[in-house]
Amino acid sequence: MISIALDGPAGAGKSTLAKAAAKKLGFIYVDTGALYRAVGLKFKRQGYNTDLDCDIDSILKDTSVDIRFIGEEQHVFLDGEDVNSLIRTPEISMMASAVSAKPPVRSFLLELQRKLAREHNVIMDGRDIGTVVLPDATLKVFVTATPETRANRRYKELTDKGIDVNYDDILADIKTRDYNDSNRAIAPLKVAEGGIVFDTDNLDLSGALSALMEIIEKEVKM
């Protein structure tokens, strides 16, 4: 099986690019960040904030996270409920960053991610796919852009969906997530060994997708 790992900071365009590239290649797209968002939503619903002052293992024992493909789209189910429309807010983004720093949560989701890669040709995006989840991935790409560019993209994405958000709040959240993701003790955000750095700062979606497909075609033997 072929596995392509796309890592990078929040809002760099990993998910959009991975989804589009997977469609072109006929691969399964796996949005691993959505898994952590679902777990973050679970803890939020339990009444906890990003401090996660609770018995994490106990809550995870009563938690079910699953990926199902409806048509060509990945849907994330939390305890049997489709939560795709509930996990893209800035608040849940911060919860996702908090839970992803906890070893029990990472262990909880690791096997699910690896199982998908064993069974399918996949493009998987997240923070530590090339470094931890799939260290032997066929291709590892680190997608990046400036915080300001990423904040603008996220602002447009959310407002296009009718979600009322503030640009300055999004930028502050992104900078906080960058710091937390890069400095956490467990699986910090960094370029994987052998990874290719792909800067999308001055590229629109079409240009970024074309550039990514050129990297894939050059590096991966289909």
N, C-alpha and C. Protein backbone atom coordinates (compact mmCIF):
# COMPACT_ATOMS: atom_id res chain seq x y z
N MET A 1 0.83 -1.19 0.00
CA MET A 1 0.00 0.00 0.00
C MET A 1 0.88 1.26 0.00
N ILE A 2 0.35 2.33 -0.59
CA ILE A 2 1.05 3.60 -0.62
C ILE A 2 0.47 4.52 0.45
N SER A 3 1.35 5.15 1.22
CA SER A 3 0.89 6.10 2.24
C SER A 3 1.63 7.42 2.05
N ILE A 4 0.86 8.50 2.03
CA ILE A 4 1.42 9.85 1.90
C ILE A 4 1.04 10.63 3.15
N ALA A 5 2.05 11.13 3.86
CA ALA A 5 1.84 11.85 5.11
C ALA A 5 1.99 13.35 4.86
N LEU A 6 0.96 14.11 5.21
CA LEU A 6 1.03 15.57 5.14
C LEU A 6 0.96 16.12 6.56
N ASP A 7 2.05 16.68 7.03
CA ASP A 7 2.09 17.31 8.35
C ASP A 7 2.21 18.82 8.18
N GLY A 8 2.00 19.52 9.28
CA GLY A 8 2.15 20.97 9.25
C GLY A 8 1.28 21.65 10.28
N PRO A 9 1.46 22.94 10.47
CA PRO A 9 0.72 23.68 11.49
C PRO A 9 -0.74 23.91 11.12
N ALA A 10 -1.51 24.39 12.09
CA ALA A 10 -2.93 24.64 11.88
C ALA A 10 -3.16 25.65 10.77
N GLY A 11 -4.10 25.35 9.88
CA GLY A 11 -4.49 26.28 8.84
C GLY A 11 -3.57 26.37 7.64
N ALA A 12 -2.62 25.44 7.53
CA ALA A 12 -1.68 25.49 6.40
C ALA A 12 -2.28 24.97 5.10
N GLY A 13 -3.47 24.39 5.18
CA GLY A 13 -4.13 23.87 3.99
C GLY A 13 -3.96 22.38 3.80
N LYS A 14 -3.46 21.69 4.83
CA LYS A 14 -3.20 20.26 4.71
C LYS A 14 -4.46 19.47 4.33
N SER A 15 -5.54 19.72 5.06
CA SER A 15 -6.75 18.93 4.85
C SER A 15 -7.33 19.16 3.46
N THR A 16 -7.39 20.41 3.04
CA THR A 16 -7.94 20.73 1.71
C THR A 16 -7.09 20.09 0.61
N LEU A 17 -5.77 20.20 0.75
CA LEU A 17 -4.88 19.62 -0.25
C LEU A 17 -4.93 18.10 -0.24
N ALA A 18 -4.94 17.52 0.96
CA ALA A 18 -4.96 16.07 1.07
C ALA A 18 -6.24 15.50 0.46
N LYS A 19 -7.36 16.15 0.75
CA LYS A 19 -8.64 15.69 0.22
C LYS A 19 -8.66 15.75 -1.31
N ALA A 20 -8.18 16.86 -1.87
CA ALA A 20 -8.18 17.04 -3.33
C ALA A 20 -7.21 16.08 -4.00
N ALA A 21 -6.02 15.90 -3.41
CA ALA A 21 -5.03 15.00 -3.99
C ALA A 21 -5.51 13.55 -3.93
N ALA A 22 -6.14 13.18 -2.82
CA ALA A 22 -6.66 11.82 -2.68
C ALA A 22 -7.71 11.52 -3.75
N LYS A 23 -8.54 12.51 -4.02
CA LYS A 23 -9.57 12.32 -5.06
C LYS A 23 -8.93 12.10 -6.42
N LYS A 24 -7.88 12.89 -6.73
CA LYS A 24 -7.20 12.74 -8.01
C LYS A 24 -6.53 11.37 -8.14
N LEU A 25 -5.98 10.89 -7.02
CA LEU A 25 -5.22 9.63 -7.04
C LEU A 25 -6.09 8.40 -6.81
N GLY A 26 -7.32 8.61 -6.35
CA GLY A 26 -8.17 7.48 -6.00
C GLY A 26 -7.77 6.85 -4.68
N PHE A 27 -7.17 7.65 -3.79
CA PHE A 27 -6.75 7.17 -2.46
C PHE A 27 -7.81 7.52 -1.43
N ILE A 28 -7.72 6.89 -0.26
CA ILE A 28 -8.54 7.25 0.88
C ILE A 28 -7.90 8.45 1.57
N TYR A 29 -8.70 9.47 1.87
CA TYR A 29 -8.22 10.62 2.62
C TYR A 29 -8.57 10.45 4.09
N VAL A 30 -7.57 10.62 4.95
CA VAL A 30 -7.79 10.48 6.39
C VAL A 30 -7.40 11.78 7.09
N ASP A 31 -8.39 12.48 7.60
CA ASP A 31 -8.18 13.73 8.33
C ASP A 31 -8.00 13.38 9.81
N THR A 32 -6.75 13.18 10.22
CA THR A 32 -6.51 12.75 11.61
C THR A 32 -6.83 13.84 12.61
N GLY A 33 -6.70 15.10 12.18
CA GLY A 33 -7.05 16.19 13.09
C GLY A 33 -8.49 16.11 13.52
N ALA A 34 -9.36 15.62 12.64
CA ALA A 34 -10.77 15.49 12.98
C ALA A 34 -10.98 14.48 14.11
N LEU A 35 -10.11 13.47 14.17
CA LEU A 35 -10.21 12.50 15.26
C LEU A 35 -9.94 13.17 16.60
N TYR A 36 -8.88 13.98 16.63
CA TYR A 36 -8.55 14.69 17.88
C TYR A 36 -9.61 15.73 18.22
N ARG A 37 -10.18 16.35 17.20
CA ARG A 37 -11.26 17.29 17.45
C ARG A 37 -12.46 16.59 18.08
N ALA A 38 -12.75 15.39 17.60
CA ALA A 38 -13.87 14.64 18.16
C ALA A 38 -13.63 14.31 19.63
N VAL A 39 -12.39 13.90 19.95
CA VAL A 39 -12.06 13.63 21.35
C VAL A 39 -12.14 14.92 22.16
N GLY A 40 -11.67 16.03 21.59
CA GLY A 40 -11.77 17.31 22.27
C GLY A 40 -13.21 17.69 22.56
N LEU A 41 -14.09 17.41 21.59
CA LEU A 41 -15.51 17.66 21.78
C LEU A 41 -16.07 16.82 22.92
N LYS A 42 -15.62 15.58 23.01
CA LYS A 42 -16.09 14.71 24.09
C LYS A 42 -15.75 15.30 25.46
N PHE A 43 -14.51 15.75 25.63
CA PHE A 43 -14.10 16.33 26.91
C PHE A 43 -14.83 17.64 27.18
N LYS A 44 -15.07 18.42 26.14
CA LYS A 44 -15.82 19.66 26.30
C LYS A 44 -17.23 19.37 26.78
N ARG A 45 -17.84 18.37 26.20
CA ARG A 45 -19.19 17.98 26.59
C ARG A 45 -19.24 17.44 28.02
N GLN A 46 -18.12 16.92 28.48
CA GLN A 46 -18.05 16.43 29.84
C GLN A 46 -17.84 17.57 30.84
N GLY A 47 -17.65 18.79 30.30
CA GLY A 47 -17.52 19.95 31.17
C GLY A 47 -16.11 20.40 31.45
N TYR A 48 -15.14 19.86 30.69
CA TYR A 48 -13.74 20.20 30.95
C TYR A 48 -13.23 21.22 29.94
N ASN A 49 -12.23 22.03 30.36
CA ASN A 49 -11.59 22.99 29.47
C ASN A 49 -10.21 22.46 29.08
N THR A 50 -9.37 23.30 28.49
CA THR A 50 -8.08 22.84 27.98
C THR A 50 -7.11 22.40 29.08
N ASP A 51 -7.41 22.70 30.34
CA ASP A 51 -6.55 22.21 31.44
C ASP A 51 -6.67 20.70 31.60
N LEU A 52 -7.81 20.14 31.17
CA LEU A 52 -8.06 18.69 31.24
C LEU A 52 -7.77 18.14 32.63
N ASP A 53 -8.30 18.81 33.62
CA ASP A 53 -8.13 18.37 35.01
C ASP A 53 -9.15 17.28 35.31
N CYS A 54 -8.84 16.07 34.83
CA CYS A 54 -9.80 14.97 34.94
C CYS A 54 -9.07 13.64 34.76
N ASP A 55 -9.80 12.57 34.95
CA ASP A 55 -9.27 11.22 34.73
C ASP A 55 -9.44 10.89 33.25
N ILE A 56 -8.41 11.15 32.48
CA ILE A 56 -8.50 10.99 31.02
C ILE A 56 -8.79 9.55 30.63
N ASP A 57 -8.10 8.61 31.25
CA ASP A 57 -8.29 7.19 30.91
C ASP A 57 -9.73 6.75 31.13
N SER A 58 -10.32 7.21 32.22
CA SER A 58 -11.69 6.83 32.54
C SER A 58 -12.67 7.31 31.48
N ILE A 59 -12.47 8.55 31.01
CA ILE A 59 -13.35 9.10 29.98
C ILE A 59 -13.15 8.37 28.65
N LEU A 60 -11.91 8.06 28.32
CA LEU A 60 -11.64 7.37 27.06
C LEU A 60 -12.24 5.96 27.03
N LYS A 61 -12.34 5.33 28.19
CA LYS A 61 -12.93 3.99 28.24
C LYS A 61 -14.38 3.99 27.78
N ASP A 62 -15.03 5.13 27.95
CA ASP A 62 -16.43 5.26 27.54
C ASP A 62 -16.57 6.10 26.29
N THR A 63 -15.52 6.11 25.46
CA THR A 63 -15.53 6.93 24.25
C THR A 63 -15.31 6.05 23.02
N SER A 64 -16.09 6.31 22.00
CA SER A 64 -15.93 5.61 20.72
C SER A 64 -15.74 6.65 19.62
N VAL A 65 -14.64 6.52 18.86
CA VAL A 65 -14.39 7.40 17.71
C VAL A 65 -14.21 6.50 16.49
N ASP A 66 -14.90 6.85 15.43
CA ASP A 66 -14.87 6.01 14.23
C ASP A 66 -14.88 6.90 12.99
N ILE A 67 -14.29 6.40 11.92
CA ILE A 67 -14.34 7.08 10.62
C ILE A 67 -15.20 6.25 9.69
N ARG A 68 -16.15 6.90 9.06
CA ARG A 68 -16.97 6.24 8.05
C ARG A 68 -16.96 7.11 6.81
N PHE A 69 -16.97 6.48 5.67
CA PHE A 69 -16.95 7.21 4.41
C PHE A 69 -18.35 7.18 3.81
N ILE A 70 -18.94 8.36 3.71
CA ILE A 70 -20.28 8.52 3.14
C ILE A 70 -20.09 9.16 1.77
N GLY A 71 -20.32 8.36 0.73
CA GLY A 71 -19.94 8.79 -0.61
C GLY A 71 -18.42 8.84 -0.66
N GLU A 72 -17.86 9.99 -1.01
CA GLU A 72 -16.41 10.15 -1.04
C GLU A 72 -15.91 10.98 0.14
N GLU A 73 -16.80 11.29 1.08
CA GLU A 73 -16.43 12.18 2.18
C GLU A 73 -16.27 11.42 3.49
N GLN A 74 -15.20 11.76 4.20
CA GLN A 74 -14.96 11.19 5.52
C GLN A 74 -15.86 11.87 6.55
N HIS A 75 -16.54 11.06 7.34
CA HIS A 75 -17.33 11.57 8.46
C HIS A 75 -16.78 10.96 9.75
N VAL A 76 -16.67 11.77 10.77
CA VAL A 76 -16.18 11.31 12.07
C VAL A 76 -17.37 11.14 13.00
N PHE A 77 -17.42 9.97 13.63
CA PHE A 77 -18.50 9.66 14.55
C PHE A 77 -17.95 9.57 15.97
N LEU A 78 -18.59 10.28 16.87
CA LEU A 78 -18.25 10.25 18.28
C LEU A 78 -19.39 9.59 19.03
N ASP A 79 -19.08 8.46 19.65
CA ASP A 79 -20.09 7.70 20.39
C ASP A 79 -21.35 7.47 19.54
N GLY A 80 -21.11 7.16 18.24
CA GLY A 80 -22.22 6.84 17.35
C GLY A 80 -22.87 8.03 16.68
N GLU A 81 -22.44 9.26 17.01
CA GLU A 81 -23.03 10.48 16.45
C GLU A 81 -22.10 11.10 15.42
N ASP A 82 -22.64 11.46 14.26
CA ASP A 82 -21.86 12.17 13.24
C ASP A 82 -21.62 13.59 13.74
N VAL A 83 -20.35 13.91 14.02
CA VAL A 83 -20.03 15.23 14.60
C VAL A 83 -19.26 16.12 13.64
N ASN A 84 -19.27 15.78 12.34
CA ASN A 84 -18.52 16.57 11.36
C ASN A 84 -18.83 18.06 11.43
N SER A 85 -20.07 18.41 11.64
CA SER A 85 -20.47 19.82 11.61
C SER A 85 -20.22 20.53 12.93
N LEU A 86 -19.71 19.81 13.94
CA LEU A 86 -19.57 20.39 15.28
C LEU A 86 -18.12 20.61 15.71
N ILE A 87 -17.16 20.17 14.91
CA ILE A 87 -15.78 20.11 15.41
C ILE A 87 -14.83 21.11 14.75
N ARG A 88 -15.35 22.07 13.99
CA ARG A 88 -14.47 22.99 13.26
C ARG A 88 -14.43 24.38 13.86
N THR A 89 -14.93 24.58 15.05
CA THR A 89 -14.92 25.89 15.67
C THR A 89 -13.57 26.15 16.35
N PRO A 90 -13.19 27.43 16.54
CA PRO A 90 -11.95 27.74 17.25
C PRO A 90 -11.88 27.12 18.64
N GLU A 91 -13.01 27.07 19.32
CA GLU A 91 -13.04 26.49 20.67
C GLU A 91 -12.65 25.01 20.65
N ILE A 92 -13.19 24.27 19.71
CA ILE A 92 -12.85 22.85 19.61
C ILE A 92 -11.44 22.67 19.07
N SER A 93 -10.95 23.61 18.26
CA SER A 93 -9.55 23.56 17.81
C SER A 93 -8.60 23.58 19.01
N MET A 94 -8.88 24.46 19.97
CA MET A 94 -8.04 24.55 21.16
C MET A 94 -8.15 23.28 22.00
N MET A 95 -9.35 22.72 22.10
CA MET A 95 -9.52 21.46 22.84
C MET A 95 -8.75 20.33 22.16
N ALA A 96 -8.77 20.33 20.81
CA ALA A 96 -8.04 19.30 20.07
C ALA A 96 -6.54 19.40 20.34
N SER A 97 -6.02 20.62 20.38
CA SER A 97 -4.60 20.83 20.68
C SER A 97 -4.27 20.33 22.07
N ALA A 98 -5.18 20.58 23.01
CA ALA A 98 -4.94 20.15 24.40
C ALA A 98 -4.96 18.63 24.54
N VAL A 99 -5.96 17.96 23.97
CA VAL A 99 -6.04 16.51 24.13
C VAL A 99 -4.93 15.81 23.37
N SER A 100 -4.47 16.41 22.25
CA SER A 100 -3.43 15.76 21.45
C SER A 100 -2.09 15.71 22.17
N ALA A 101 -1.94 16.52 23.22
CA ALA A 101 -0.70 16.51 24.00
C ALA A 101 -0.71 15.43 25.07
N LYS A 102 -1.81 14.71 25.20
CA LYS A 102 -1.95 13.70 26.25
C LYS A 102 -1.64 12.30 25.71
N PRO A 103 -0.64 11.61 26.26
CA PRO A 103 -0.28 10.27 25.76
C PRO A 103 -1.45 9.29 25.69
N PRO A 104 -2.36 9.25 26.67
CA PRO A 104 -3.47 8.29 26.56
C PRO A 104 -4.35 8.53 25.33
N VAL A 105 -4.53 9.79 24.97
CA VAL A 105 -5.35 10.11 23.80
C VAL A 105 -4.63 9.69 22.53
N ARG A 106 -3.33 9.94 22.46
CA ARG A 106 -2.56 9.57 21.27
C ARG A 106 -2.56 8.05 21.08
N SER A 107 -2.40 7.33 22.17
CA SER A 107 -2.44 5.86 22.09
C SER A 107 -3.82 5.38 21.66
N PHE A 108 -4.84 6.03 22.16
CA PHE A 108 -6.22 5.68 21.87
C PHE A 108 -6.51 5.73 20.37
N LEU A 109 -5.93 6.73 19.68
CA LEU A 109 -6.23 6.93 18.26
C LEU A 109 -5.18 6.35 17.31
N LEU A 110 -4.02 5.99 17.82
CA LEU A 110 -2.91 5.57 16.97
C LEU A 110 -3.25 4.34 16.13
N GLU A 111 -3.79 3.32 16.73
CA GLU A 111 -4.04 2.08 16.00
C GLU A 111 -5.09 2.27 14.91
N LEU A 112 -6.09 3.08 15.17
CA LEU A 112 -7.10 3.36 14.16
C LEU A 112 -6.46 3.95 12.91
N GLN A 113 -5.54 4.89 13.11
CA GLN A 113 -4.88 5.53 11.98
C GLN A 113 -3.99 4.54 11.22
N ARG A 114 -3.23 3.74 11.93
CA ARG A 114 -2.34 2.78 11.28
C ARG A 114 -3.11 1.69 10.55
N LYS A 115 -4.23 1.29 11.10
CA LYS A 115 -5.06 0.27 10.46
C LYS A 115 -5.55 0.75 9.10
N LEU A 116 -5.95 1.99 9.01
CA LEU A 116 -6.40 2.54 7.74
C LEU A 116 -5.28 2.52 6.69
N ALA A 117 -4.05 2.82 7.13
CA ALA A 117 -2.91 2.84 6.21
C ALA A 117 -2.51 1.44 5.78
N ARG A 118 -2.73 0.45 6.64
CA ARG A 118 -2.42 -0.94 6.27
C ARG A 118 -3.39 -1.48 5.23
N GLU A 119 -4.61 -0.99 5.27
CA GLU A 119 -5.67 -1.57 4.46
C GLU A 119 -5.98 -0.80 3.18
N HIS A 120 -5.48 0.44 3.07
CA HIS A 120 -5.82 1.28 1.92
C HIS A 120 -4.61 2.10 1.48
N ASN A 121 -4.61 2.53 0.20
CA ASN A 121 -3.72 3.61 -0.21
C ASN A 121 -4.29 4.89 0.40
N VAL A 122 -3.49 5.60 1.19
CA VAL A 122 -4.03 6.73 1.93
C VAL A 122 -3.19 7.99 1.77
N ILE A 123 -3.87 9.11 1.89
CA ILE A 123 -3.22 10.39 2.18
C ILE A 123 -3.75 10.80 3.54
N MET A 124 -2.83 10.97 4.48
CA MET A 124 -3.21 11.23 5.87
C MET A 124 -2.56 12.53 6.31
N ASP A 125 -3.36 13.43 6.90
CA ASP A 125 -2.78 14.68 7.35
C ASP A 125 -2.97 14.87 8.84
N GLY A 126 -2.02 15.61 9.44
CA GLY A 126 -2.07 15.85 10.87
C GLY A 126 -0.85 16.62 11.33
N ARG A 127 -0.41 16.33 12.56
CA ARG A 127 0.76 17.02 13.12
C ARG A 127 1.99 16.10 13.20
N ASP A 128 1.74 14.79 13.33
CA ASP A 128 2.85 13.87 13.58
C ASP A 128 2.73 12.60 12.74
N ILE A 129 2.16 12.71 11.55
CA ILE A 129 1.95 11.52 10.73
C ILE A 129 3.29 10.94 10.28
N GLY A 130 4.15 11.78 9.73
CA GLY A 130 5.44 11.30 9.25
C GLY A 130 6.43 10.99 10.34
N THR A 131 6.27 11.62 11.50
CA THR A 131 7.23 11.41 12.59
C THR A 131 6.85 10.26 13.50
N VAL A 132 5.55 10.04 13.72
CA VAL A 132 5.11 9.04 14.70
C VAL A 132 4.13 8.02 14.14
N VAL A 133 3.05 8.50 13.54
CA VAL A 133 1.98 7.60 13.13
C VAL A 133 2.43 6.67 12.01
N LEU A 134 3.01 7.26 10.95
CA LEU A 134 3.48 6.48 9.80
C LEU A 134 4.93 6.84 9.50
N PRO A 135 5.86 6.45 10.36
CA PRO A 135 7.27 6.81 10.15
C PRO A 135 7.86 6.21 8.89
N ASP A 136 7.23 5.15 8.36
CA ASP A 136 7.71 4.53 7.13
C ASP A 136 6.83 4.89 5.94
N ALA A 137 6.14 6.02 6.02
CA ALA A 137 5.28 6.46 4.92
C ALA A 137 6.06 6.55 3.61
N THR A 138 5.38 6.27 2.51
CA THR A 138 6.01 6.33 1.20
C THR A 138 6.54 7.72 0.90
N LEU A 139 5.80 8.74 1.30
CA LEU A 139 6.18 10.13 1.08
C LEU A 139 5.74 10.96 2.28
N LYS A 140 6.64 11.86 2.74
CA LYS A 140 6.33 12.75 3.85
C LYS A 140 6.49 14.19 3.39
N VAL A 141 5.43 14.98 3.55
CA VAL A 141 5.45 16.38 3.14
C VAL A 141 5.04 17.25 4.32
N PHE A 142 5.81 18.31 4.57
CA PHE A 142 5.49 19.26 5.64
C PHE A 142 4.94 20.53 5.00
N VAL A 143 3.64 20.73 5.15
CA VAL A 143 2.94 21.86 4.52
C VAL A 143 2.93 23.04 5.48
N THR A 144 3.37 24.21 5.02
CA THR A 144 3.44 25.35 5.93
C THR A 144 3.07 26.65 5.23
N ALA A 145 2.85 27.70 6.03
CA ALA A 145 2.57 29.06 5.57
C ALA A 145 2.66 29.95 6.81
N THR A 146 2.71 31.27 6.62
CA THR A 146 2.80 32.18 7.76
C THR A 146 1.51 32.13 8.59
N PRO A 147 1.59 32.48 9.88
CA PRO A 147 0.37 32.51 10.71
C PRO A 147 -0.71 33.41 10.14
N GLU A 148 -0.32 34.56 9.57
CA GLU A 148 -1.30 35.50 9.03
C GLU A 148 -2.03 34.90 7.82
N THR A 149 -1.29 34.25 6.95
CA THR A 149 -1.93 33.60 5.80
C THR A 149 -2.88 32.52 6.26
N ARG A 150 -2.45 31.75 7.23
CA ARG A 150 -3.29 30.66 7.73
C ARG A 150 -4.54 31.17 8.43
N ALA A 151 -4.40 32.27 9.16
CA ALA A 151 -5.56 32.86 9.83
C ALA A 151 -6.58 33.38 8.82
N ASN A 152 -6.08 34.01 7.76
CA ASN A 152 -6.98 34.49 6.70
C ASN A 152 -7.74 33.34 6.07
N ARG A 153 -7.07 32.23 5.82
CA ARG A 153 -7.72 31.07 5.21
C ARG A 153 -8.80 30.50 6.13
N ARG A 154 -8.47 30.36 7.40
CA ARG A 154 -9.43 29.79 8.34
C ARG A 154 -10.62 30.72 8.52
N TYR A 155 -10.36 32.03 8.57
CA TYR A 155 -11.45 33.01 8.69
C TYR A 155 -12.42 32.88 7.52
N LYS A 156 -11.87 32.81 6.31
CA LYS A 156 -12.73 32.69 5.13
C LYS A 156 -13.50 31.37 5.15
N GLU A 157 -12.83 30.29 5.53
CA GLU A 157 -13.48 28.98 5.57
C GLU A 157 -14.69 29.00 6.51
N LEU A 158 -14.51 29.57 7.69
CA LEU A 158 -15.58 29.57 8.68
C LEU A 158 -16.69 30.54 8.32
N THR A 159 -16.33 31.73 7.85
CA THR A 159 -17.38 32.70 7.50
C THR A 159 -18.16 32.24 6.28
N ASP A 160 -17.52 31.54 5.36
CA ASP A 160 -18.24 30.99 4.20
C ASP A 160 -19.29 29.97 4.64
N LYS A 161 -19.06 29.36 5.81
CA LYS A 161 -20.02 28.40 6.35
C LYS A 161 -21.06 29.07 7.24
N GLY A 162 -20.98 30.41 7.32
CA GLY A 162 -21.94 31.14 8.13
C GLY A 162 -21.61 31.18 9.61
N ILE A 163 -20.39 30.81 9.97
CA ILE A 163 -19.97 30.82 11.38
C ILE A 163 -19.41 32.20 11.72
N ASP A 164 -19.92 32.80 12.79
CA ASP A 164 -19.52 34.15 13.20
C ASP A 164 -18.22 34.07 14.00
N VAL A 165 -17.11 34.52 13.40
CA VAL A 165 -15.80 34.46 14.05
C VAL A 165 -15.07 35.79 13.88
N ASN A 166 -14.02 35.99 14.67
CA ASN A 166 -13.22 37.20 14.63
C ASN A 166 -11.81 36.85 14.15
N TYR A 167 -11.29 37.60 13.15
CA TYR A 167 -9.97 37.30 12.59
C TYR A 167 -8.88 37.33 13.65
N ASP A 168 -8.87 38.36 14.49
CA ASP A 168 -7.82 38.49 15.50
C ASP A 168 -7.82 37.31 16.46
N ASP A 169 -9.03 36.83 16.80
CA ASP A 169 -9.13 35.66 17.68
C ASP A 169 -8.55 34.42 17.01
N ILE A 170 -8.84 34.27 15.72
CA ILE A 170 -8.33 33.12 14.98
C ILE A 170 -6.81 33.17 14.90
N LEU A 171 -6.25 34.36 14.61
CA LEU A 171 -4.80 34.51 14.54
C LEU A 171 -4.15 34.17 15.88
N ALA A 172 -4.73 34.67 16.96
CA ALA A 172 -4.19 34.38 18.29
C ALA A 172 -4.26 32.89 18.59
N ASP A 173 -5.37 32.25 18.21
CA ASP A 173 -5.51 30.81 18.43
C ASP A 173 -4.46 30.03 17.65
N ILE A 174 -4.23 30.44 16.41
CA ILE A 174 -3.25 29.75 15.56
C ILE A 174 -1.84 29.87 16.16
N LYS A 175 -1.49 31.06 16.62
CA LYS A 175 -0.17 31.25 17.22
C LYS A 175 -0.03 30.43 18.49
N THR A 176 -1.10 30.36 19.27
CA THR A 176 -1.08 29.54 20.49
C THR A 176 -0.93 28.06 20.14
N ARG A 177 -1.69 27.62 19.14
CA ARG A 177 -1.60 26.21 18.72
C ARG A 177 -0.21 25.89 18.18
N ASP A 178 0.36 26.81 17.40
CA ASP A 178 1.72 26.59 16.88
C ASP A 178 2.70 26.36 18.02
N TYR A 179 2.60 27.21 19.04
CA TYR A 179 3.52 27.07 20.18
C TYR A 179 3.27 25.76 20.91
N ASN A 180 2.01 25.48 21.19
CA ASN A 180 1.68 24.25 21.94
C ASN A 180 2.08 23.01 21.15
N ASP A 181 1.77 22.98 19.86
CA ASP A 181 2.06 21.80 19.05
C ASP A 181 3.56 21.58 18.88
N SER A 182 4.32 22.67 18.79
CA SER A 182 5.77 22.55 18.57
C SER A 182 6.55 22.28 19.84
N ASN A 183 5.97 22.60 20.99
CA ASN A 183 6.70 22.47 22.25
C ASN A 183 6.18 21.38 23.18
N ARG A 184 5.18 20.64 22.74
CA ARG A 184 4.68 19.57 23.61
C ARG A 184 5.72 18.47 23.72
N ALA A 185 5.67 17.77 24.84
CA ALA A 185 6.66 16.72 25.11
C ALA A 185 6.44 15.50 24.22
N ILE A 186 5.18 15.22 23.91
CA ILE A 186 4.84 14.02 23.13
C ILE A 186 4.60 14.41 21.67
N ALA A 187 5.38 13.81 20.77
CA ALA A 187 5.20 13.98 19.32
C ALA A 187 5.06 15.44 18.90
N PRO A 188 6.05 16.29 19.18
CA PRO A 188 5.94 17.70 18.79
C PRO A 188 5.91 17.87 17.28
N LEU A 189 5.27 18.96 16.85
CA LEU A 189 5.20 19.28 15.43
C LEU A 189 6.59 19.62 14.90
N LYS A 190 7.05 18.87 13.90
CA LYS A 190 8.34 19.15 13.27
C LYS A 190 8.40 18.43 11.93
N VAL A 191 9.37 18.79 11.12
CA VAL A 191 9.55 18.13 9.83
C VAL A 191 10.09 16.73 10.06
N ALA A 192 9.43 15.73 9.46
CA ALA A 192 9.86 14.35 9.61
C ALA A 192 11.18 14.12 8.89
N GLU A 193 11.93 13.14 9.37
CA GLU A 193 13.17 12.75 8.70
C GLU A 193 12.85 12.34 7.27
N GLY A 194 13.53 12.96 6.33
CA GLY A 194 13.28 12.66 4.92
C GLY A 194 12.09 13.41 4.35
N GLY A 195 11.48 14.29 5.16
CA GLY A 195 10.31 15.02 4.71
C GLY A 195 10.66 16.18 3.78
N ILE A 196 9.72 16.55 2.94
CA ILE A 196 9.87 17.67 2.00
C ILE A 196 9.05 18.84 2.52
N VAL A 197 9.69 20.00 2.70
CA VAL A 197 8.99 21.20 3.15
C VAL A 197 8.30 21.85 1.96
N PHE A 198 7.00 22.10 2.11
CA PHE A 198 6.19 22.65 1.03
C PHE A 198 5.50 23.92 1.53
N ASP A 199 6.01 25.08 1.11
CA ASP A 199 5.50 26.38 1.54
C ASP A 199 4.37 26.82 0.60
N THR A 200 3.16 26.98 1.14
CA THR A 200 2.00 27.36 0.33
C THR A 200 1.64 28.83 0.48
N ASP A 201 2.52 29.62 1.08
CA ASP A 201 2.19 30.99 1.44
C ASP A 201 1.69 31.83 0.27
N ASN A 202 2.30 31.69 -0.88
CA ASN A 202 1.94 32.52 -2.03
C ASN A 202 1.17 31.76 -3.10
N LEU A 203 0.55 30.65 -2.69
CA LEU A 203 -0.19 29.82 -3.63
C LEU A 203 -1.66 29.77 -3.28
N ASP A 204 -2.53 29.86 -4.30
CA ASP A 204 -3.94 29.60 -4.05
C ASP A 204 -4.14 28.09 -4.09
N LEU A 205 -5.36 27.64 -3.88
CA LEU A 205 -5.61 26.20 -3.81
C LEU A 205 -5.19 25.48 -5.08
N SER A 206 -5.54 26.05 -6.23
CA SER A 206 -5.21 25.41 -7.50
C SER A 206 -3.70 25.28 -7.67
N GLY A 207 -2.97 26.35 -7.37
CA GLY A 207 -1.52 26.33 -7.51
C GLY A 207 -0.87 25.38 -6.53
N ALA A 208 -1.38 25.37 -5.29
CA ALA A 208 -0.81 24.48 -4.28
C ALA A 208 -1.06 23.02 -4.64
N LEU A 209 -2.26 22.72 -5.13
CA LEU A 209 -2.57 21.34 -5.51
C LEU A 209 -1.70 20.89 -6.67
N SER A 210 -1.51 21.76 -7.66
CA SER A 210 -0.65 21.40 -8.80
C SER A 210 0.78 21.12 -8.33
N ALA A 211 1.28 21.97 -7.42
CA ALA A 211 2.65 21.79 -6.91
C ALA A 211 2.76 20.50 -6.10
N LEU A 212 1.73 20.21 -5.30
CA LEU A 212 1.75 18.97 -4.50
C LEU A 212 1.71 17.75 -5.41
N MET A 213 0.88 17.78 -6.44
CA MET A 213 0.80 16.64 -7.36
C MET A 213 2.13 16.42 -8.07
N GLU A 214 2.85 17.50 -8.37
CA GLU A 214 4.17 17.36 -8.99
C GLU A 214 5.14 16.66 -8.03
N ILE A 215 5.07 17.01 -6.75
CA ILE A 215 5.92 16.34 -5.76
C ILE A 215 5.59 14.86 -5.68
N ILE A 216 4.29 14.55 -5.63
CA ILE A 216 3.87 13.15 -5.53
C ILE A 216 4.31 12.35 -6.75
N GLU A 217 4.08 12.92 -7.94
CA GLU A 217 4.44 12.23 -9.18
C GLU A 217 5.94 11.99 -9.27
N LYS A 218 6.73 12.92 -8.72
CA LYS A 218 8.18 12.79 -8.77
C LYS A 218 8.69 11.77 -7.77
N GLU A 219 8.07 11.73 -6.57
CA GLU A 219 8.62 10.95 -5.46
C GLU A 219 7.99 9.56 -5.29
N VAL A 220 6.79 9.35 -5.81
CA VAL A 220 6.07 8.10 -5.55
C VAL A 220 5.91 7.29 -6.82
N LYS A 221 6.27 6.03 -6.75
CA LYS A 221 6.09 5.12 -7.87
C LYS A 221 4.73 4.46 -7.73
N MET A 222 3.83 4.80 -8.64
CA MET A 222 2.48 4.25 -8.59
C MET A 222 2.42 2.86 -9.21
